[in-house]
Amino acid sequence: MSAPWDEDGGFAWERREAGQSWEQIGSELGCPPHVAQELGERYRAETDRIVMRDQIPLFDVPE
């Protein structure tokens, strides 16, 4: 089962990156602006976490 921010959050973040306000995005999703913002930010945080976890290091720099 997917979390709500998987689909709605992805949509919200894409719309935000395209220049829409959280009010506009919330209206499209049928939710208050703060909920749209939370969905978008959760999606972005989860995406960033996955990228950092799965990223292959280009260089091994000794400490």
N, C-alpha and C. Protein backbone atom coordinates (compact mmCIF):
# COMPACT_ATOMS: atom_id res chain seq x y z
N MET A 1 0.84 -1.17 0.00
CA MET A 1 0.00 0.00 0.00
C MET A 1 0.89 1.24 0.00
N SER A 2 0.58 2.19 -0.87
CA SER A 2 1.41 3.39 -0.94
C SER A 2 0.88 4.47 -0.01
N ALA A 3 1.79 5.32 0.41
CA ALA A 3 1.42 6.43 1.28
C ALA A 3 0.82 7.56 0.44
N PRO A 4 0.00 8.43 1.05
CA PRO A 4 -0.65 9.50 0.28
C PRO A 4 0.34 10.41 -0.42
N TRP A 5 1.53 10.62 0.18
CA TRP A 5 2.48 11.54 -0.45
C TRP A 5 3.16 10.93 -1.67
N ASP A 6 3.00 9.62 -1.90
CA ASP A 6 3.59 9.01 -3.09
C ASP A 6 3.00 9.61 -4.36
N GLU A 7 1.69 9.68 -4.45
CA GLU A 7 1.03 10.21 -5.65
C GLU A 7 0.70 11.69 -5.50
N ASP A 8 -0.07 12.02 -4.48
CA ASP A 8 -0.46 13.41 -4.29
C ASP A 8 0.75 14.28 -3.97
N GLY A 9 1.67 13.75 -3.20
CA GLY A 9 2.88 14.50 -2.86
C GLY A 9 3.74 14.75 -4.08
N GLY A 10 3.86 13.74 -4.93
CA GLY A 10 4.62 13.90 -6.16
C GLY A 10 3.97 14.96 -7.05
N PHE A 11 2.67 14.91 -7.16
CA PHE A 11 1.94 15.90 -7.94
C PHE A 11 2.15 17.29 -7.35
N ALA A 12 2.01 17.40 -6.03
CA ALA A 12 2.15 18.69 -5.36
C ALA A 12 3.55 19.26 -5.58
N TRP A 13 4.57 18.43 -5.43
CA TRP A 13 5.93 18.93 -5.59
C TRP A 13 6.21 19.34 -7.03
N GLU A 14 5.73 18.57 -7.99
CA GLU A 14 5.92 18.94 -9.39
C GLU A 14 5.23 20.26 -9.71
N ARG A 15 4.02 20.45 -9.20
CA ARG A 15 3.29 21.70 -9.45
C ARG A 15 4.02 22.87 -8.79
N ARG A 16 4.55 22.65 -7.58
CA ARG A 16 5.29 23.71 -6.87
C ARG A 16 6.54 24.11 -7.65
N GLU A 17 7.26 23.12 -8.15
CA GLU A 17 8.45 23.37 -8.96
C GLU A 17 8.10 24.11 -10.25
N ALA A 18 6.87 23.92 -10.73
CA ALA A 18 6.41 24.59 -11.95
C ALA A 18 5.95 26.02 -11.66
N GLY A 19 5.94 26.41 -10.37
CA GLY A 19 5.63 27.79 -10.03
C GLY A 19 4.27 28.05 -9.43
N GLN A 20 3.49 27.01 -9.18
CA GLN A 20 2.17 27.22 -8.58
C GLN A 20 2.31 27.45 -7.08
N SER A 21 1.34 28.17 -6.53
CA SER A 21 1.32 28.39 -5.08
C SER A 21 0.72 27.18 -4.39
N TRP A 22 0.95 27.09 -3.08
CA TRP A 22 0.35 25.99 -2.31
C TRP A 22 -1.17 26.11 -2.32
N GLU A 23 -1.69 27.33 -2.41
CA GLU A 23 -3.14 27.53 -2.48
C GLU A 23 -3.70 26.92 -3.77
N GLN A 24 -3.03 27.16 -4.88
CA GLN A 24 -3.47 26.59 -6.15
C GLN A 24 -3.39 25.07 -6.14
N ILE A 25 -2.30 24.57 -5.61
CA ILE A 25 -2.10 23.12 -5.56
C ILE A 25 -3.14 22.47 -4.65
N GLY A 26 -3.38 23.07 -3.49
CA GLY A 26 -4.40 22.56 -2.58
C GLY A 26 -5.77 22.53 -3.24
N SER A 27 -6.07 23.56 -4.00
CA SER A 27 -7.35 23.62 -4.70
C SER A 27 -7.47 22.47 -5.70
N GLU A 28 -6.39 22.19 -6.42
CA GLU A 28 -6.41 21.08 -7.39
C GLU A 28 -6.55 19.73 -6.70
N LEU A 29 -5.93 19.59 -5.54
CA LEU A 29 -5.99 18.32 -4.82
C LEU A 29 -7.25 18.21 -3.96
N GLY A 30 -7.93 19.32 -3.75
CA GLY A 30 -9.13 19.30 -2.91
C GLY A 30 -8.81 19.27 -1.43
N CYS A 31 -7.74 19.97 -1.05
CA CYS A 31 -7.34 20.01 0.36
C CYS A 31 -6.84 21.42 0.69
N PRO A 32 -6.70 21.73 1.99
CA PRO A 32 -6.16 23.03 2.37
C PRO A 32 -4.70 23.18 1.90
N PRO A 33 -4.24 24.41 1.71
CA PRO A 33 -2.87 24.64 1.25
C PRO A 33 -1.80 24.02 2.15
N HIS A 34 -2.01 24.06 3.47
CA HIS A 34 -0.99 23.50 4.37
C HIS A 34 -0.88 21.98 4.21
N VAL A 35 -1.96 21.33 3.86
CA VAL A 35 -1.92 19.88 3.62
C VAL A 35 -1.18 19.59 2.32
N ALA A 36 -1.46 20.37 1.29
CA ALA A 36 -0.74 20.21 0.02
C ALA A 36 0.76 20.41 0.23
N GLN A 37 1.11 21.41 1.02
CA GLN A 37 2.52 21.69 1.30
C GLN A 37 3.16 20.53 2.05
N GLU A 38 2.47 20.01 3.05
CA GLU A 38 2.99 18.88 3.82
C GLU A 38 3.19 17.65 2.93
N LEU A 39 2.22 17.37 2.06
CA LEU A 39 2.35 16.24 1.14
C LEU A 39 3.56 16.43 0.22
N GLY A 40 3.70 17.62 -0.34
CA GLY A 40 4.82 17.90 -1.23
C GLY A 40 6.15 17.80 -0.54
N GLU A 41 6.25 18.35 0.66
CA GLU A 41 7.51 18.32 1.40
C GLU A 41 7.86 16.91 1.87
N ARG A 42 6.87 16.14 2.26
CA ARG A 42 7.14 14.75 2.65
C ARG A 42 7.64 13.93 1.46
N TYR A 43 7.00 14.15 0.31
CA TYR A 43 7.42 13.46 -0.90
C TYR A 43 8.88 13.81 -1.22
N ARG A 44 9.20 15.09 -1.18
CA ARG A 44 10.56 15.54 -1.49
C ARG A 44 11.57 14.95 -0.49
N ALA A 45 11.25 14.96 0.79
CA ALA A 45 12.14 14.41 1.81
C ALA A 45 12.37 12.92 1.60
N GLU A 46 11.30 12.19 1.29
CA GLU A 46 11.42 10.74 1.07
C GLU A 46 12.25 10.46 -0.18
N THR A 47 12.02 11.24 -1.23
CA THR A 47 12.80 11.07 -2.46
C THR A 47 14.27 11.35 -2.20
N ASP A 48 14.57 12.43 -1.49
CA ASP A 48 15.96 12.75 -1.16
C ASP A 48 16.61 11.64 -0.33
N ARG A 49 15.85 11.10 0.62
CA ARG A 49 16.38 10.03 1.48
C ARG A 49 16.73 8.81 0.65
N ILE A 50 15.86 8.44 -0.28
CA ILE A 50 16.10 7.27 -1.13
C ILE A 50 17.30 7.50 -2.04
N VAL A 51 17.40 8.68 -2.59
CA VAL A 51 18.54 8.99 -3.46
C VAL A 51 19.85 8.90 -2.68
N MET A 52 19.89 9.48 -1.51
CA MET A 52 21.11 9.44 -0.69
C MET A 52 21.47 8.01 -0.30
N ARG A 53 20.47 7.19 -0.04
CA ARG A 53 20.71 5.80 0.35
C ARG A 53 21.25 4.99 -0.82
N ASP A 54 20.70 5.23 -2.01
CA ASP A 54 21.03 4.40 -3.16
C ASP A 54 22.14 4.95 -4.05
N GLN A 55 22.59 6.14 -3.77
CA GLN A 55 23.60 6.76 -4.62
C GLN A 55 24.93 6.02 -4.51
N ILE A 56 25.52 5.78 -5.65
CA ILE A 56 26.82 5.12 -5.69
C ILE A 56 27.89 6.19 -5.62
N PRO A 57 28.82 6.08 -4.69
CA PRO A 57 29.87 7.10 -4.60
C PRO A 57 30.78 7.06 -5.83
N LEU A 58 31.11 8.24 -6.35
CA LEU A 58 31.98 8.32 -7.50
C LEU A 58 33.44 8.18 -7.11
N PHE A 59 33.76 8.65 -5.94
CA PHE A 59 35.15 8.60 -5.47
C PHE A 59 35.18 8.11 -4.03
N ASP A 60 36.14 7.30 -3.74
CA ASP A 60 36.36 6.90 -2.35
C ASP A 60 37.47 7.79 -1.82
N VAL A 61 37.09 8.72 -0.98
CA VAL A 61 38.05 9.65 -0.41
C VAL A 61 38.43 9.14 0.97
N PRO A 62 39.73 8.82 1.16
CA PRO A 62 40.14 8.33 2.47
C PRO A 62 40.03 9.44 3.51
N GLU A 63 39.68 9.06 4.71
CA GLU A 63 39.55 10.04 5.78
C GLU A 63 40.84 10.21 6.54
